[in-house]
Amino acid sequence: QVQVVESGGGLVQDGGFLRLSCAASGYIGGISAVGWYRQAPDKQRELVARRPGNGSIDYADSVKGRLTISRGSAWQTVYLEVNSLKPDDTAVYYCTFAASRGTYWGQGTQVAVSS
């Protein structure tokens, strides 16, 4: 059974930095894209960044220039680094893998940015 687990969330001060990690256990097949989404209280889930195997990375306008999405050296891992955090970045962050065996989501990791 495939499990996707995010880690690295927590409480960060305004202007701070955070690195989120995500790993999928169990074989998910060939990966076509990895991504991070977030959902703030009373808001819909929104794309943060999506990295296809080929092609350019998609970023939300609100985070462009402040973050990096990268694949880990281990095949089924992905990272998100965000700097200059703002209170508006407060949300539950989810990672996702689009793979040949399906699309997989984690349970999310909470990020709270204090002003």
C-alpha atoms as a PDB file:
ATOM      1  CA  GLN A   1       0.000   0.000   0.000  1.00  0.00           C
ATOM      2  CA  VAL A   2       1.355   3.397  -0.954  1.00  0.00           C
ATOM      3  CA  GLN A   3       1.786   6.033   1.717  1.00  0.00           C
ATOM      4  CA  VAL A   4       2.798   9.632   1.133  1.00  0.00           C
ATOM      5  CA  VAL A   5       4.107  11.473   4.176  1.00  0.00           C
ATOM      6  CA  GLU A   6       5.016  15.132   4.481  1.00  0.00           C
ATOM      7  CA  SER A   7       7.201  16.538   7.231  1.00  0.00           C
ATOM      8  CA  GLY A   8       8.925  19.754   8.225  1.00  0.00           C
ATOM      9  CA  GLY A   9       5.949  21.944   9.019  1.00  0.00           C
ATOM     10  CA  GLY A  10       5.682  24.027  12.145  1.00  0.00           C
ATOM     11  CA  LEU A  11       5.550  27.530  13.519  1.00  0.00           C
ATOM     12  CA  VAL A  12       7.799  30.063  11.811  1.00  0.00           C
ATOM     13  CA  GLN A  13       8.222  33.801  12.262  1.00  0.00           C
ATOM     14  CA  ASP A  14       7.353  36.305   9.583  1.00  0.00           C
ATOM     15  CA  GLY A  15      10.286  36.485   7.170  1.00  0.00           C
ATOM     16  CA  GLY A  16      11.548  33.054   8.129  1.00  0.00           C
ATOM     17  CA  PHE A  17      12.485  29.975   6.132  1.00  0.00           C
ATOM     18  CA  LEU A  18      11.028  26.492   5.959  1.00  0.00           C
ATOM     19  CA  ARG A  19      11.960  23.261   4.238  1.00  0.00           C
ATOM     20  CA  LEU A  20       9.248  20.668   3.734  1.00  0.00           C
ATOM     21  CA  SER A  21       9.960  17.083   2.808  1.00  0.00           C
ATOM     22  CA  CYS A  22       7.755  14.448   1.254  1.00  0.00           C
ATOM     23  CA  ALA A  23       8.329  10.778   0.598  1.00  0.00           C
ATOM     24  CA  ALA A  24       6.195   8.062  -0.942  1.00  0.00           C
ATOM     25  CA  SER A  25       6.616   4.509   0.280  1.00  0.00           C
ATOM     26  CA  GLY A  26       5.550   1.624  -1.886  1.00  0.00           C
ATOM     27  CA  TYR A  27       6.072   1.524  -5.612  1.00  0.00           C
ATOM     28  CA  ILE A  28       4.076   4.153  -7.519  1.00  0.00           C
ATOM     29  CA  GLY A  29       5.518   3.659 -11.005  1.00  0.00           C
ATOM     30  CA  GLY A  30       7.061   6.210 -13.291  1.00  0.00           C
ATOM     31  CA  ILE A  31       6.646   9.745 -11.946  1.00  0.00           C
ATOM     32  CA  SER A  32       5.437  12.337 -14.437  1.00  0.00           C
ATOM     33  CA  ALA A  33       5.150  15.228 -12.012  1.00  0.00           C
ATOM     34  CA  VAL A  34       5.516  16.188  -8.366  1.00  0.00           C
ATOM     35  CA  GLY A  35       3.809  19.072  -6.698  1.00  0.00           C
ATOM     36  CA  TRP A  36       2.922  20.950  -3.554  1.00  0.00           C
ATOM     37  CA  TYR A  37      -0.481  22.395  -2.766  1.00  0.00           C
ATOM     38  CA  ARG A  38      -1.778  24.223   0.269  1.00  0.00           C
ATOM     39  CA  GLN A  39      -5.082  24.923   1.927  1.00  0.00           C
ATOM     40  CA  ALA A  40      -5.588  27.827   4.275  1.00  0.00           C
ATOM     41  CA  PRO A  41      -8.501  27.942   6.723  1.00  0.00           C
ATOM     42  CA  ASP A  42     -11.809  28.567   4.933  1.00  0.00           C
ATOM     43  CA  LYS A  43     -10.123  28.567   1.521  1.00  0.00           C
ATOM     44  CA  GLN A  44      -9.879  26.111  -1.327  1.00  0.00           C
ATOM     45  CA  ARG A  45      -6.781  24.034  -1.895  1.00  0.00           C
ATOM     46  CA  GLU A  46      -4.444  25.824  -4.272  1.00  0.00           C
ATOM     47  CA  LEU A  47      -1.329  25.001  -6.235  1.00  0.00           C
ATOM     48  CA  VAL A  48       1.951  26.160  -4.726  1.00  0.00           C
ATOM     49  CA  ALA A  49       4.381  24.613  -7.195  1.00  0.00           C
ATOM     50  CA  ARG A  50       4.331  21.764  -9.661  1.00  0.00           C
ATOM     51  CA  ARG A  51       7.376  20.230 -11.272  1.00  0.00           C
ATOM     52  CA  PRO A  52       6.820  18.001 -14.313  1.00  0.00           C
ATOM     53  CA  GLY A  53       9.455  15.533 -15.440  1.00  0.00           C
ATOM     54  CA  ASN A  54       9.968  17.656 -18.512  1.00  0.00           C
ATOM     55  CA  GLY A  55       9.049  21.253 -18.995  1.00  0.00           C
ATOM     56  CA  SER A  56       8.985  24.296 -16.814  1.00  0.00           C
ATOM     57  CA  ILE A  57       7.872  24.499 -13.212  1.00  0.00           C
ATOM     58  CA  ASP A  58       4.530  26.087 -12.416  1.00  0.00           C
ATOM     59  CA  TYR A  59       4.429  28.415  -9.425  1.00  0.00           C
ATOM     60  CA  ALA A  60       1.596  30.259  -7.783  1.00  0.00           C
ATOM     61  CA  ASP A  61       2.034  33.997  -8.289  1.00  0.00           C
ATOM     62  CA  SER A  62       1.898  34.539  -4.531  1.00  0.00           C
ATOM     63  CA  VAL A  63       5.047  32.486  -3.960  1.00  0.00           C
ATOM     64  CA  LYS A  64       7.019  33.020  -7.155  1.00  0.00           C
ATOM     65  CA  GLY A  65      10.583  33.981  -6.388  1.00  0.00           C
ATOM     66  CA  ARG A  66      10.376  32.766  -2.804  1.00  0.00           C
ATOM     67  CA  LEU A  67      10.446  29.020  -3.143  1.00  0.00           C
ATOM     68  CA  THR A  68      12.185  26.056  -4.702  1.00  0.00           C
ATOM     69  CA  ILE A  69      10.671  22.678  -5.466  1.00  0.00           C
ATOM     70  CA  SER A  70      13.145  19.870  -6.003  1.00  0.00           C
ATOM     71  CA  ARG A  71      13.331  16.111  -6.344  1.00  0.00           C
ATOM     72  CA  GLY A  72      15.357  14.186  -3.834  1.00  0.00           C
ATOM     73  CA  SER A  73      18.194  11.819  -4.584  1.00  0.00           C
ATOM     74  CA  ALA A  74      15.860   9.034  -3.489  1.00  0.00           C
ATOM     75  CA  TRP A  75      13.414   8.380  -6.297  1.00  0.00           C
ATOM     76  CA  GLN A  76      10.107   9.037  -4.561  1.00  0.00           C
ATOM     77  CA  THR A  77      10.976  12.160  -2.588  1.00  0.00           C
ATOM     78  CA  VAL A  78      10.298  15.826  -3.123  1.00  0.00           C
ATOM     79  CA  TYR A  79      11.196  18.970  -1.207  1.00  0.00           C
ATOM     80  CA  LEU A  80       9.828  22.463  -0.931  1.00  0.00           C
ATOM     81  CA  GLU A  81      11.903  25.341   0.386  1.00  0.00           C
ATOM     82  CA  VAL A  82      10.191  28.627   1.106  1.00  0.00           C
ATOM     83  CA  ASN A  83      11.896  31.805   2.250  1.00  0.00           C
ATOM     84  CA  SER A  84      10.586  35.217   3.277  1.00  0.00           C
ATOM     85  CA  LEU A  85       7.537  33.543   4.775  1.00  0.00           C
ATOM     86  CA  LYS A  86       4.467  35.669   5.357  1.00  0.00           C
ATOM     87  CA  PRO A  87       1.410  35.155   7.566  1.00  0.00           C
ATOM     88  CA  ASP A  88      -0.578  34.571   4.343  1.00  0.00           C
ATOM     89  CA  ASP A  89       1.518  31.450   3.802  1.00  0.00           C
ATOM     90  CA  THR A  90      -0.151  29.852   6.803  1.00  0.00           C
ATOM     91  CA  ALA A  91      -1.847  26.677   5.571  1.00  0.00           C
ATOM     92  CA  VAL A  92      -1.725  22.920   5.483  1.00  0.00           C
ATOM     93  CA  TYR A  93       0.760  21.925   2.799  1.00  0.00           C
ATOM     94  CA  TYR A  94       0.219  18.772   0.758  1.00  0.00           C
ATOM     95  CA  CYS A  95       2.543  17.044  -1.629  1.00  0.00           C
ATOM     96  CA  THR A  96       1.418  14.980  -4.560  1.00  0.00           C
ATOM     97  CA  PHE A  97       2.940  12.542  -7.017  1.00  0.00           C
ATOM     98  CA  ALA A  98       1.468  12.029 -10.470  1.00  0.00           C
ATOM     99  CA  ALA A  99       2.654   8.576 -11.453  1.00  0.00           C
ATOM    100  CA  SER A 100       1.868   5.754 -13.833  1.00  0.00           C
ATOM    101  CA  ARG A 101       0.037   3.871 -11.094  1.00  0.00           C
ATOM    102  CA  GLY A 102      -2.090   6.847 -10.093  1.00  0.00           C
ATOM    103  CA  THR A 103      -2.020  10.188  -8.319  1.00  0.00           C
ATOM    104  CA  TYR A 104      -1.039  10.103  -4.682  1.00  0.00           C
ATOM    105  CA  TRP A 105      -1.529  12.676  -1.954  1.00  0.00           C
ATOM    106  CA  GLY A 106      -0.156  13.019   1.524  1.00  0.00           C
ATOM    107  CA  GLN A 107      -2.132  13.931   4.629  1.00  0.00           C
ATOM    108  CA  GLY A 108      -0.525  17.339   4.828  1.00  0.00           C
ATOM    109  CA  THR A 109       1.758  19.210   7.194  1.00  0.00           C
ATOM    110  CA  GLN A 110       0.716  22.377   8.992  1.00  0.00           C
ATOM    111  CA  VAL A 111       2.696  25.560   8.462  1.00  0.00           C
ATOM    112  CA  ALA A 112       1.909  28.573  10.625  1.00  0.00           C
ATOM    113  CA  VAL A 113       3.637  31.910  10.136  1.00  0.00           C
ATOM    114  CA  SER A 114       3.438  34.342  13.019  1.00  0.00           C
ATOM    115  CA  SER A 115       3.466  38.088  12.466  1.00  0.00           C
END
